[in-house]
């Protein structure tokens, strides 16, 4: 059950991130900083997708922890700018990523997520 939840959270994170990346690339107000962000998001998506496809649960848990930290940071940024959608959206992903990373970390520690 943990692996199914982790898989759903990972796929949802990758799809949402790539949607935002494509939207950012199509906007007329592109900046160099935004392009740097795009490259980093694509790399993070690949880092999440590869272990999931390989069923490498421990490496995936590490990437999920990184994703959690990023989303938590995005939540803080949204709150500091008083933007409700930019606060609630990342917060929801931060919670999901935390639960996935925590559950996967615990299950890989006792061997129950291994294949």
PDB file of N, CA and C in Angstrom:
ATOM      1  N   UNK A   1       0.813  -1.194   0.000  1.00  0.00           N
ATOM      2  CA  UNK A   1       0.000   0.000   0.000  1.00  0.00           C
ATOM      3  C   UNK A   1       0.860   1.263   0.000  1.00  0.00           C
ATOM      4  N   UNK A   2       1.989   1.200   0.712  1.00  0.00           N
ATOM      5  CA  UNK A   2       2.891   2.349   0.758  1.00  0.00           C
ATOM      6  C   UNK A   2       3.416   2.653  -0.637  1.00  0.00           C
ATOM      7  N   UNK A   3       3.811   1.619  -1.369  1.00  0.00           N
ATOM      8  CA  UNK A   3       4.369   1.837  -2.712  1.00  0.00           C
ATOM      9  C   UNK A   3       3.340   2.452  -3.650  1.00  0.00           C
ATOM     10  N   UNK A   4       2.083   2.052  -3.524  1.00  0.00           N
ATOM     11  CA  UNK A   4       1.032   2.631  -4.370  1.00  0.00           C
ATOM     12  C   UNK A   4       0.867   4.114  -4.074  1.00  0.00           C
ATOM     13  N   UNK A   5       0.794   4.464  -2.783  1.00  0.00           N
ATOM     14  CA  UNK A   5       0.676   5.871  -2.402  1.00  0.00           C
ATOM     15  C   UNK A   5       1.883   6.670  -2.888  1.00  0.00           C
ATOM     16  N   UNK A   6       3.080   6.128  -2.693  1.00  0.00           N
ATOM     17  CA  UNK A   6       4.308   6.790  -3.142  1.00  0.00           C
ATOM     18  C   UNK A   6       4.288   6.984  -4.646  1.00  0.00           C
ATOM     19  N   UNK A   7       3.853   5.980  -5.372  1.00  0.00           N
ATOM     20  CA  UNK A   7       3.792   6.075  -6.835  1.00  0.00           C
ATOM     21  C   UNK A   7       2.819   7.159  -7.281  1.00  0.00           C
ATOM     22  N   UNK A   8       1.645   7.220  -6.648  1.00  0.00           N
ATOM     23  CA  UNK A   8       0.649   8.238  -7.002  1.00  0.00           C
ATOM     24  C   UNK A   8       1.179   9.637  -6.704  1.00  0.00           C
ATOM     25  N   UNK A   9       1.776   9.821  -5.524  1.00  0.00           N
ATOM     26  CA  UNK A   9       2.324  11.135  -5.155  1.00  0.00           C
ATOM     27  C   UNK A   9       3.450  11.531  -6.108  1.00  0.00           C
ATOM     28  N   UNK A  10       4.315  10.588  -6.444  1.00  0.00           N
ATOM     29  CA  UNK A  10       5.429  10.887  -7.349  1.00  0.00           C
ATOM     30  C   UNK A  10       4.921  11.285  -8.728  1.00  0.00           C
ATOM     31  N   UNK A  11       4.004  10.521  -9.267  1.00  0.00           N
ATOM     32  CA  UNK A  11       3.462  10.833 -10.598  1.00  0.00           C
ATOM     33  C   UNK A  11       2.725  12.171 -10.574  1.00  0.00           C
ATOM     34  N   UNK A  12       1.933  12.424  -9.540  1.00  0.00           N
ATOM     35  CA  UNK A  12       1.214  13.705  -9.441  1.00  0.00           C
ATOM     36  C   UNK A  12       2.193  14.874  -9.362  1.00  0.00           C
ATOM     37  N   UNK A  13       3.267  14.698  -8.618  1.00  0.00           N
ATOM     38  CA  UNK A  13       4.271  15.755  -8.505  1.00  0.00           C
ATOM     39  C   UNK A  13       4.958  16.015  -9.840  1.00  0.00           C
ATOM     40  N   UNK A  14       5.333  14.954 -10.519  1.00  0.00           N
ATOM     41  CA  UNK A  14       6.012  15.099 -11.810  1.00  0.00           C
ATOM     42  C   UNK A  14       5.089  15.735 -12.846  1.00  0.00           C
ATOM     43  N   UNK A  15       3.852  15.274 -12.923  1.00  0.00           N
ATOM     44  CA  UNK A  15       2.909  15.816 -13.916  1.00  0.00           C
ATOM     45  C   UNK A  15       2.632  17.291 -13.641  1.00  0.00           C
ATOM     46  N   UNK A  16       2.390  17.632 -12.392  1.00  0.00           N
ATOM     47  CA  UNK A  16       2.120  19.031 -12.037  1.00  0.00           C
ATOM     48  C   UNK A  16       3.324  19.919 -12.317  1.00  0.00           C
ATOM     49  N   UNK A  17       4.489  19.435 -11.944  1.00  0.00           N
ATOM     50  CA  UNK A  17       5.711  20.222 -12.182  1.00  0.00           C
ATOM     51  C   UNK A  17       5.945  20.428 -13.668  1.00  0.00           C
ATOM     52  N   UNK A  18       5.776  19.386 -14.462  1.00  0.00           N
ATOM     53  CA  UNK A  18       5.990  19.528 -15.906  1.00  0.00           C
ATOM     54  C   UNK A  18       4.938  20.438 -16.534  1.00  0.00           C
ATOM     55  N   UNK A  19       3.720  20.421 -16.021  1.00  0.00           N
ATOM     56  CA  UNK A  19       2.678  21.339 -16.486  1.00  0.00           C
ATOM     57  C   UNK A  19       3.130  22.782 -16.246  1.00  0.00           C
ATOM     58  N   UNK A  20       3.661  23.048 -15.053  1.00  0.00           N
ATOM     59  CA  UNK A  20       4.146  24.396 -14.739  1.00  0.00           C
ATOM     60  C   UNK A  20       5.369  24.761 -15.576  1.00  0.00           C
ATOM     61  N   UNK A  21       6.241  23.791 -15.840  1.00  0.00           N
ATOM     62  CA  UNK A  21       7.423  24.033 -16.676  1.00  0.00           C
ATOM     63  C   UNK A  21       6.994  24.430 -18.085  1.00  0.00           C
ATOM     64  N   UNK A  22       6.078  23.676 -18.655  1.00  0.00           N
ATOM     65  CA  UNK A  22       5.619  23.974 -20.023  1.00  0.00           C
ATOM     66  C   UNK A  22       4.927  25.335 -20.053  1.00  0.00           C
ATOM     67  N   UNK A  23       4.106  25.617 -19.043  1.00  0.00           N
ATOM     68  CA  UNK A  23       3.460  26.931 -18.965  1.00  0.00           C
ATOM     69  C   UNK A  23       4.483  28.047 -18.877  1.00  0.00           C
ATOM     70  N   UNK A  24       5.538  27.832 -18.104  1.00  0.00           N
ATOM     71  CA  UNK A  24       6.591  28.836 -17.981  1.00  0.00           C
ATOM     72  C   UNK A  24       7.350  29.051 -19.275  1.00  0.00           C
ATOM     73  N   UNK A  25       7.534  27.976 -20.034  1.00  0.00           N
ATOM     74  CA  UNK A  25       8.245  28.104 -21.314  1.00  0.00           C
ATOM     75  C   UNK A  25       7.408  28.818 -22.370  1.00  0.00           C
ATOM     76  N   UNK A  26       6.101  28.722 -22.254  1.00  0.00           N
ATOM     77  CA  UNK A  26       5.219  29.327 -23.255  1.00  0.00           C
ATOM     78  C   UNK A  26       4.847  30.773 -22.954  1.00  0.00           C
ATOM     79  N   UNK A  27       5.192  31.247 -21.767  1.00  0.00           N
ATOM     80  CA  UNK A  27       4.833  32.616 -21.406  1.00  0.00           C
ATOM     81  C   UNK A  27       5.740  33.621 -22.108  1.00  0.00           C
ATOM     82  N   UNK A  28       5.192  34.789 -22.352  1.00  0.00           N
ATOM     83  CA  UNK A  28       5.958  35.836 -23.028  1.00  0.00           C
ATOM     84  C   UNK A  28       6.935  36.521 -22.080  1.00  0.00           C
ATOM     85  N   UNK A  29       6.713  36.389 -20.776  1.00  0.00           N
ATOM     86  CA  UNK A  29       7.535  37.096 -19.788  1.00  0.00           C
ATOM     87  C   UNK A  29       8.643  36.198 -19.220  1.00  0.00           C
ATOM     88  N   UNK A  30       9.293  35.435 -20.090  1.00  0.00           N
ATOM     89  CA  UNK A  30      10.364  34.541 -19.619  1.00  0.00           C
ATOM     90  C   UNK A  30      11.577  35.341 -19.192  1.00  0.00           C
ATOM     91  N   UNK A  31      12.247  34.828 -18.156  1.00  0.00           N
ATOM     92  CA  UNK A  31      13.463  35.450 -17.660  1.00  0.00           C
ATOM     93  C   UNK A  31      14.551  34.384 -17.560  1.00  0.00           C
ATOM     94  N   UNK A  32      15.780  34.831 -17.416  1.00  0.00           N
ATOM     95  CA  UNK A  32      16.880  33.890 -17.243  1.00  0.00           C
ATOM     96  C   UNK A  32      16.694  33.088 -15.962  1.00  0.00           C
ATOM     97  N   UNK A  33      16.287  33.755 -14.893  1.00  0.00           N
ATOM     98  CA  UNK A  33      16.045  33.059 -13.626  1.00  0.00           C
ATOM     99  C   UNK A  33      14.950  32.007 -13.786  1.00  0.00           C
ATOM    100  N   UNK A  34      13.906  32.339 -14.517  1.00  0.00           N
ATOM    101  CA  UNK A  34      12.835  31.385 -14.774  1.00  0.00           C
ATOM    102  C   UNK A  34      13.309  30.193 -15.577  1.00  0.00           C
ATOM    103  N   UNK A  35      14.211  30.439 -16.535  1.00  0.00           N
ATOM    104  CA  UNK A  35      14.766  29.338 -17.324  1.00  0.00           C
ATOM    105  C   UNK A  35      15.655  28.441 -16.466  1.00  0.00           C
ATOM    106  N   UNK A  36      16.417  29.042 -15.545  1.00  0.00           N
ATOM    107  CA  UNK A  36      17.205  28.237 -14.604  1.00  0.00           C
ATOM    108  C   UNK A  36      16.280  27.348 -13.778  1.00  0.00           C
ATOM    109  N   UNK A  37      15.178  27.921 -13.315  1.00  0.00           N
ATOM    110  CA  UNK A  37      14.202  27.178 -12.527  1.00  0.00           C
ATOM    111  C   UNK A  37      13.627  26.019 -13.345  1.00  0.00           C
ATOM    112  N   UNK A  38      13.379  26.254 -14.610  1.00  0.00           N
ATOM    113  CA  UNK A  38      12.859  25.215 -15.496  1.00  0.00           C
ATOM    114  C   UNK A  38      13.823  24.040 -15.586  1.00  0.00           C
ATOM    115  N   UNK A  39      15.095  24.332 -15.794  1.00  0.00           N
ATOM    116  CA  UNK A  39      16.102  23.276 -15.888  1.00  0.00           C
ATOM    117  C   UNK A  39      16.150  22.467 -14.589  1.00  0.00           C
ATOM    118  N   UNK A  40      16.120  23.143 -13.466  1.00  0.00           N
ATOM    119  CA  UNK A  40      16.164  22.448 -12.172  1.00  0.00           C
ATOM    120  C   UNK A  40      14.911  21.596 -11.943  1.00  0.00           C
ATOM    121  N   UNK A  41      13.755  22.089 -12.367  1.00  0.00           N
ATOM    122  CA  UNK A  41      12.523  21.313 -12.216  1.00  0.00           C
ATOM    123  C   UNK A  41      12.525  20.070 -13.086  1.00  0.00           C
ATOM    124  N   UNK A  42      13.029  20.185 -14.302  1.00  0.00           N
ATOM    125  CA  UNK A  42      13.112  19.019 -15.183  1.00  0.00           C
ATOM    126  C   UNK A  42      14.065  17.987 -14.580  1.00  0.00           C
ATOM    127  N   UNK A  43      15.199  18.442 -14.055  1.00  0.00           N
ATOM    128  CA  UNK A  43      16.158  17.523 -13.426  1.00  0.00           C
ATOM    129  C   UNK A  43      15.523  16.829 -12.217  1.00  0.00           C
ATOM    130  N   UNK A  44      14.775  17.564 -11.401  1.00  0.00           N
ATOM    131  CA  UNK A  44      14.121  16.967 -10.241  1.00  0.00           C
ATOM    132  C   UNK A  44      13.074  15.943 -10.681  1.00  0.00           C
ATOM    133  N   UNK A  45      12.339  16.246 -11.732  1.00  0.00           N
ATOM    134  CA  UNK A  45      11.347  15.298 -12.244  1.00  0.00           C
ATOM    135  C   UNK A  45      12.006  14.014 -12.735  1.00  0.00           C
ATOM    136  N   UNK A  46      13.132  14.148 -13.423  1.00  0.00           N
ATOM    137  CA  UNK A  46      13.863  12.957 -13.865  1.00  0.00           C
ATOM    138  C   UNK A  46      14.391  12.175 -12.666  1.00  0.00           C
ATOM    139  N   UNK A  47      14.865  12.904 -11.653  1.00  0.00           N
ATOM    140  CA  UNK A  47      15.378  12.253 -10.445  1.00  0.00           C
ATOM    141  C   UNK A  47      14.265  11.527  -9.694  1.00  0.00           C
ATOM    142  N   UNK A  48      13.027  11.973  -9.823  1.00  0.00           N
ATOM    143  CA  UNK A  48      11.901  11.283  -9.186  1.00  0.00           C
ATOM    144  C   UNK A  48      11.412  10.113 -10.039  1.00  0.00           C
ATOM    145  N   UNK A  49      11.422  10.299 -11.348  1.00  0.00           N
ATOM    146  CA  UNK A  49      10.865   9.283 -12.241  1.00  0.00           C
ATOM    147  C   UNK A  49      11.752   8.048 -12.348  1.00  0.00           C
ATOM    148  N   UNK A  50      13.048   8.249 -12.464  1.00  0.00           N
ATOM    149  CA  UNK A  50      13.957   7.121 -12.688  1.00  0.00           C
ATOM    150  C   UNK A  50      13.902   6.092 -11.547  1.00  0.00           C
ATOM    151  N   UNK A  51      14.038   6.493 -10.278  1.00  0.00           N
ATOM    152  CA  UNK A  51      13.949   5.479  -9.218  1.00  0.00           C
ATOM    153  C   UNK A  51      12.578   4.809  -9.145  1.00  0.00           C
ATOM    154  N   UNK A  52      11.526   5.564  -9.467  1.00  0.00           N
ATOM    155  CA  UNK A  52      10.187   4.973  -9.449  1.00  0.00           C
ATOM    156  C   UNK A  52      10.094   3.877 -10.501  1.00  0.00           C
ATOM    157  N   UNK A  53      10.566   4.154 -11.703  1.00  0.00           N
ATOM    158  CA  UNK A  53      10.526   3.156 -12.771  1.00  0.00           C
ATOM    159  C   UNK A  53      11.398   1.945 -12.455  1.00  0.00           C
ATOM    160  N   UNK A  54      12.511   2.178 -11.772  1.00  0.00           N
ATOM    161  CA  UNK A  54      13.435   1.096 -11.414  1.00  0.00           C
ATOM    162  C   UNK A  54      13.028   0.394 -10.113  1.00  0.00           C
ATOM    163  N   UNK A  55      12.006   0.926  -9.463  1.00  0.00           N
ATOM    164  CA  UNK A  55      11.567   0.423  -8.165  1.00  0.00           C
ATOM    165  C   UNK A  55      12.707   0.448  -7.143  1.00  0.00           C
ATOM    166  N   UNK A  56      13.476   1.519  -7.243  1.00  0.00           N
ATOM    167  CA  UNK A  56      14.574   1.759  -6.309  1.00  0.00           C
ATOM    168  C   UNK A  56      14.017   2.622  -5.190  1.00  0.00           C
ATOM    169  N   UNK A  57      13.455   1.986  -4.183  1.00  0.00           N
ATOM    170  CA  UNK A  57      12.661   2.681  -3.181  1.00  0.00           C
ATOM    171  C   UNK A  57      13.483   3.587  -2.273  1.00  0.00           C
ATOM    172  N   UNK A  58      14.663   3.135  -1.856  1.00  0.00           N
ATOM    173  CA  UNK A  58      15.473   3.987  -0.974  1.00  0.00           C
ATOM    174  C   UNK A  58      15.916   5.271  -1.679  1.00  0.00           C
ATOM    175  N   UNK A  59      16.490   5.194  -2.904  1.00  0.00           N
ATOM    176  CA  UNK A  59      16.833   6.453  -3.597  1.00  0.00           C
ATOM    177  C   UNK A  59      15.614   7.341  -3.833  1.00  0.00           C
ATOM    178  N   UNK A  60      14.476   6.732  -4.125  1.00  0.00           N
ATOM    179  CA  UNK A  60      13.265   7.528  -4.321  1.00  0.00           C
ATOM    180  C   UNK A  60      12.878   8.246  -3.033  1.00  0.00           C
ATOM    181  N   UNK A  61      13.036   7.590  -1.890  1.00  0.00           N
ATOM    182  CA  UNK A  61      12.689   8.248  -0.631  1.00  0.00           C
ATOM    183  C   UNK A  61      13.563   9.481  -0.410  1.00  0.00           C
ATOM    184  N   UNK A  62      14.827   9.421  -0.791  1.00  0.00           N
ATOM    185  CA  UNK A  62      15.708  10.585  -0.650  1.00  0.00           C
ATOM    186  C   UNK A  62      15.244  11.742  -1.531  1.00  0.00           C
ATOM    187  N   UNK A  63      14.856  11.432  -2.754  1.00  0.00           N
ATOM    188  CA  UNK A  63      14.380  12.477  -3.662  1.00  0.00           C
ATOM    189  C   UNK A  63      13.047  13.051  -3.171  1.00  0.00           C
ATOM    190  N   UNK A  64      12.215  12.204  -2.605  1.00  0.00           N
ATOM    191  CA  UNK A  64      10.944  12.696  -2.054  1.00  0.00           C
ATOM    192  C   UNK A  64      11.182  13.642  -0.886  1.00  0.00           C
ATOM    193  N   UNK A  65      12.179  13.354  -0.048  1.00  0.00           N
ATOM    194  CA  UNK A  65      12.520  14.274   1.044  1.00  0.00           C
ATOM    195  C   UNK A  65      12.976  15.616   0.485  1.00  0.00           C
ATOM    196  N   UNK A  66      13.753  15.591  -0.590  1.00  0.00           N
ATOM    197  CA  UNK A  66      14.195  16.842  -1.224  1.00  0.00           C
ATOM    198  C   UNK A  66      12.980  17.596  -1.780  1.00  0.00           C
ATOM    199  N   UNK A  67      12.084  16.868  -2.440  1.00  0.00           N
ATOM    200  CA  UNK A  67      10.867  17.492  -2.961  1.00  0.00           C
ATOM    201  C   UNK A  67      10.028  18.107  -1.849  1.00  0.00           C
ATOM    202  N   UNK A  68       9.948  17.423  -0.713  1.00  0.00           N
ATOM    203  CA  UNK A  68       9.229  17.959   0.447  1.00  0.00           C
ATOM    204  C   UNK A  68       9.851  19.276   0.896  1.00  0.00           C
ATOM    205  N   UNK A  69      11.171  19.313   0.998  1.00  0.00           N
ATOM    206  CA  UNK A  69      11.859  20.538   1.437  1.00  0.00           C
ATOM    207  C   UNK A  69      11.602  21.688   0.465  1.00  0.00           C
ATOM    208  N   UNK A  70      11.618  21.393  -0.823  1.00  0.00           N
ATOM    209  CA  UNK A  70      11.367  22.425  -1.837  1.00  0.00           C
ATOM    210  C   UNK A  70       9.937  22.956  -1.708  1.00  0.00           C
ATOM    211  N   UNK A  71       8.970  22.054  -1.587  1.00  0.00           N
ATOM    212  CA  UNK A  71       7.573  22.483  -1.477  1.00  0.00           C
ATOM    213  C   UNK A  71       7.324  23.253  -0.184  1.00  0.00           C
ATOM    214  N   UNK A  72       7.990  22.844   0.891  1.00  0.00           N
ATOM    215  CA  UNK A  72       7.859  23.576   2.147  1.00  0.00           C
ATOM    216  C   UNK A  72       8.413  24.994   1.987  1.00  0.00           C
ATOM    217  N   UNK A  73       9.539  25.112   1.290  1.00  0.00           N
ATOM    218  CA  UNK A  73      10.097  26.435   1.002  1.00  0.00           C
ATOM    219  C   UNK A  73       9.169  27.266   0.138  1.00  0.00           C
ATOM    220  N   UNK A  74       8.558  26.631  -0.866  1.00  0.00           N
ATOM    221  CA  UNK A  74       7.598  27.337  -1.723  1.00  0.00           C
ATOM    222  C   UNK A  74       6.383  27.815  -0.916  1.00  0.00           C
ATOM    223  N   UNK A  75       5.980  27.018   0.077  1.00  0.00           N
ATOM    224  CA  UNK A  75       4.873  27.403   0.953  1.00  0.00           C
ATOM    225  C   UNK A  75       5.224  28.673   1.721  1.00  0.00           C
ATOM    226  N   UNK A  76       6.434  28.723   2.235  1.00  0.00           N
ATOM    227  CA  UNK A  76       6.880  29.908   2.979  1.00  0.00           C
ATOM    228  C   UNK A  76       6.910  31.126   2.071  1.00  0.00           C
ATOM    229  N   UNK A  77       7.430  30.959   0.861  1.00  0.00           N
ATOM    230  CA  UNK A  77       7.481  32.075  -0.093  1.00  0.00           C
ATOM    231  C   UNK A  77       6.072  32.569  -0.404  1.00  0.00           C
ATOM    232  N   UNK A  78       5.151  31.650  -0.666  1.00  0.00           N
ATOM    233  CA  UNK A  78       3.770  32.041  -0.941  1.00  0.00           C
ATOM    234  C   UNK A  78       3.146  32.794   0.223  1.00  0.00           C
ATOM    235  N   UNK A  79       3.423  32.321   1.439  1.00  0.00           N
ATOM    236  CA  UNK A  79       2.875  32.989   2.631  1.00  0.00           C
ATOM    237  C   UNK A  79       3.478  34.381   2.804  1.00  0.00           C
ATOM    238  N   UNK A  80       4.773  34.510   2.571  1.00  0.00           N
ATOM    239  CA  UNK A  80       5.418  35.819   2.709  1.00  0.00           C
ATOM    240  C   UNK A  80       4.891  36.833   1.698  1.00  0.00           C
ATOM    241  N   UNK A  81       4.442  36.331   0.547  1.00  0.00           N
ATOM    242  CA  UNK A  81       3.879  37.211  -0.483  1.00  0.00           C
ATOM    243  C   UNK A  81       2.362  37.352  -0.349  1.00  0.00           C
ATOM    244  N   UNK A  82       1.797  36.752   0.691  1.00  0.00           N
ATOM    245  CA  UNK A  82       0.352  36.823   0.952  1.00  0.00           C
ATOM    246  C   UNK A  82      -0.469  36.334  -0.237  1.00  0.00           C
ATOM    247  N   UNK A  83       0.001  35.273  -0.871  1.00  0.00           N
ATOM    248  CA  UNK A  83      -0.694  34.665  -2.011  1.00  0.00           C
ATOM    249  C   UNK A  83      -1.277  33.331  -1.557  1.00  0.00           C
ATOM    250  N   UNK A  84      -2.582  33.260  -1.428  1.00  0.00           N
ATOM    251  CA  UNK A  84      -3.225  32.052  -0.910  1.00  0.00           C
ATOM    252  C   UNK A  84      -2.986  30.840  -1.814  1.00  0.00           C
ATOM    253  N   UNK A  85      -3.222  30.926  -3.139  1.00  0.00           N
ATOM    254  CA  UNK A  85      -2.995  29.734  -3.966  1.00  0.00           C
ATOM    255  C   UNK A  85      -1.530  29.277  -3.962  1.00  0.00           C
ATOM    256  N   UNK A  86      -0.610  30.245  -3.929  1.00  0.00           N
ATOM    257  CA  UNK A  86       0.807  29.918  -3.933  1.00  0.00           C
ATOM    258  C   UNK A  86       1.277  29.419  -2.573  1.00  0.00           C
ATOM    259  N   UNK A  87       0.418  29.493  -1.573  1.00  0.00           N
ATOM    260  CA  UNK A  87       0.714  28.943  -0.251  1.00  0.00           C
ATOM    261  C   UNK A  87       0.053  27.581  -0.077  1.00  0.00           C
ATOM    262  N   UNK A  88      -1.214  27.488  -0.416  1.00  0.00           N
ATOM    263  CA  UNK A  88      -1.976  26.258  -0.194  1.00  0.00           C
ATOM    264  C   UNK A  88      -1.521  25.141  -1.141  1.00  0.00           C
ATOM    265  N   UNK A  89      -1.281  25.472  -2.409  1.00  0.00           N
ATOM    266  CA  UNK A  89      -0.851  24.451  -3.375  1.00  0.00           C
ATOM    267  C   UNK A  89       0.428  23.744  -2.947  1.00  0.00           C
ATOM    268  N   UNK A  90       1.505  24.501  -2.723  1.00  0.00           N
ATOM    269  CA  UNK A  90       2.738  23.855  -2.269  1.00  0.00           C
ATOM    270  C   UNK A  90       2.588  23.155  -0.922  1.00  0.00           C
ATOM    271  N   UNK A  91       1.734  23.703  -0.040  1.00  0.00           N
ATOM    272  CA  UNK A  91       1.528  23.063   1.259  1.00  0.00           C
ATOM    273  C   UNK A  91       0.904  21.679   1.083  1.00  0.00           C
ATOM    274  N   UNK A  92      -0.064  21.574   0.182  1.00  0.00           N
ATOM    275  CA  UNK A  92      -0.687  20.266  -0.085  1.00  0.00           C
ATOM    276  C   UNK A  92       0.342  19.277  -0.617  1.00  0.00           C
ATOM    277  N   UNK A  93       1.183  19.722  -1.549  1.00  0.00           N
ATOM    278  CA  UNK A  93       2.226  18.838  -2.069  1.00  0.00           C
ATOM    279  C   UNK A  93       3.265  18.523  -0.997  1.00  0.00           C
ATOM    280  N   UNK A  94       3.580  19.493  -0.145  1.00  0.00           N
ATOM    281  CA  UNK A  94       4.545  19.242   0.938  1.00  0.00           C
ATOM    282  C   UNK A  94       4.022  18.154   1.873  1.00  0.00           C
ATOM    283  N   UNK A  95       2.752  18.225   2.225  1.00  0.00           N
ATOM    284  CA  UNK A  95       2.168  17.207   3.100  1.00  0.00           C
ATOM    285  C   UNK A  95       2.201  15.839   2.422  1.00  0.00           C
ATOM    286  N   UNK A  96       1.776  15.782   1.150  1.00  0.00           N
ATOM    287  CA  UNK A  96       1.769  14.508   0.426  1.00  0.00           C
ATOM    288  C   UNK A  96       3.185  13.947   0.290  1.00  0.00           C
ATOM    289  N   UNK A  97       4.145  14.808  -0.042  1.00  0.00           N
ATOM    290  CA  UNK A  97       5.529  14.348  -0.182  1.00  0.00           C
ATOM    291  C   UNK A  97       6.100  13.903   1.156  1.00  0.00           C
ATOM    292  N   UNK A  98       5.753  14.614   2.239  1.00  0.00           N
ATOM    293  CA  UNK A  98       6.209  14.201   3.560  1.00  0.00           C
ATOM    294  C   UNK A  98       5.676  12.806   3.892  1.00  0.00           C
ATOM    295  N   UNK A  99       4.374  12.614   3.709  1.00  0.00           N
ATOM    296  CA  UNK A  99       3.775  11.314   4.021  1.00  0.00           C
ATOM    297  C   UNK A  99       4.383  10.200   3.176  1.00  0.00           C
ATOM    298  N   UNK A 100       4.607  10.489   1.883  1.00  0.00           N
ATOM    299  CA  UNK A 100       5.208   9.488   1.007  1.00  0.00           C
ATOM    300  C   UNK A 100       6.651   9.185   1.420  1.00  0.00           C
ATOM    301  N   UNK A 101       7.435  10.230   1.661  1.00  0.00           N
ATOM    302  CA  UNK A 101       8.842  10.030   2.030  1.00  0.00           C
ATOM    303  C   UNK A 101       8.951   9.334   3.380  1.00  0.00           C
ATOM    304  N   UNK A 102       8.141   9.756   4.339  1.00  0.00           N
ATOM    305  CA  UNK A 102       8.181   9.155   5.668  1.00  0.00           C
ATOM    306  C   UNK A 102       7.759   7.688   5.612  1.00  0.00           C
ATOM    307  N   UNK A 103       6.652   7.427   4.925  1.00  0.00           N
ATOM    308  CA  UNK A 103       6.179   6.041   4.809  1.00  0.00           C
ATOM    309  C   UNK A 103       7.168   5.158   4.087  1.00  0.00           C
ATOM    310  N   UNK A 104       7.744   5.675   3.016  1.00  0.00           N
ATOM    311  CA  UNK A 104       8.709   4.890   2.256  1.00  0.00           C
ATOM    312  C   UNK A 104       9.998   4.686   3.047  1.00  0.00           C
ATOM    313  N   UNK A 105      10.430   5.702   3.761  1.00  0.00           N
ATOM    314  CA  UNK A 105      11.644   5.576   4.581  1.00  0.00           C
ATOM    315  C   UNK A 105      11.452   4.517   5.664  1.00  0.00           C
ATOM    316  N   UNK A 106      10.294   4.518   6.288  1.00  0.00           N
ATOM    317  CA  UNK A 106      10.025   3.520   7.336  1.00  0.00           C
ATOM    318  C   UNK A 106       9.908   2.128   6.757  1.00  0.00           C
ATOM    319  N   UNK A 107       9.275   1.998   5.588  1.00  0.00           N
ATOM    320  CA  UNK A 107       9.096   0.670   5.012  1.00  0.00           C
ATOM    321  C   UNK A 107      10.388   0.135   4.413  1.00  0.00           C
ATOM    322  N   UNK A 108      11.260   1.011   3.909  1.00  0.00           N
ATOM    323  CA  UNK A 108      12.536   0.520   3.387  1.00  0.00           C
ATOM    324  C   UNK A 108      13.485   0.170   4.533  1.00  0.00           C
ATOM    325  N   UNK A 109      13.303   0.814   5.686  1.00  0.00           N
ATOM    326  CA  UNK A 109      14.158   0.506   6.837  1.00  0.00           C
ATOM    327  C   UNK A 109      13.878  -0.909   7.355  1.00  0.00           C
ATOM    328  N   UNK A 110      12.609  -1.340   7.300  1.00  0.00           N
ATOM    329  CA  UNK A 110      12.316  -2.694   7.785  1.00  0.00           C
ATOM    330  C   UNK A 110      12.217  -3.704   6.636  1.00  0.00           C
ATOM    331  N   UNK A 111      12.455  -3.237   5.394  1.00  0.00           N
ATOM    332  CA  UNK A 111      12.497  -4.136   4.252  1.00  0.00           C
ATOM    333  C   UNK A 111      11.159  -4.433   3.617  1.00  0.00           C
ATOM    334  N   UNK A 112      10.074  -3.839   4.100  1.00  0.00           N
ATOM    335  CA  UNK A 112       8.757  -4.185   3.572  1.00  0.00           C
ATOM    336  C   UNK A 112       8.460  -3.561   2.209  1.00  0.00           C
ATOM    337  N   UNK A 113       9.250  -2.553   1.786  1.00  0.00           N
ATOM    338  CA  UNK A 113       9.004  -1.962   0.467  1.00  0.00           C
ATOM    339  C   UNK A 113       9.896  -2.558  -0.599  1.00  0.00           C
ATOM    340  N   UNK A 114      10.775  -3.455  -0.222  1.00  0.00           N
ATOM    341  CA  UNK A 114      11.658  -4.059  -1.220  1.00  0.00           C
ATOM    342  C   UNK A 114      10.898  -5.102  -2.025  1.00  0.00           C
ATOM    343  N   UNK A 115      11.375  -5.321  -3.224  1.00  0.00           N
ATOM    344  CA  UNK A 115      10.693  -6.267  -4.108  1.00  0.00           C
ATOM    345  C   UNK A 115      11.426  -7.584  -4.098  1.00  0.00           C
TER     346      UNK A 115
END
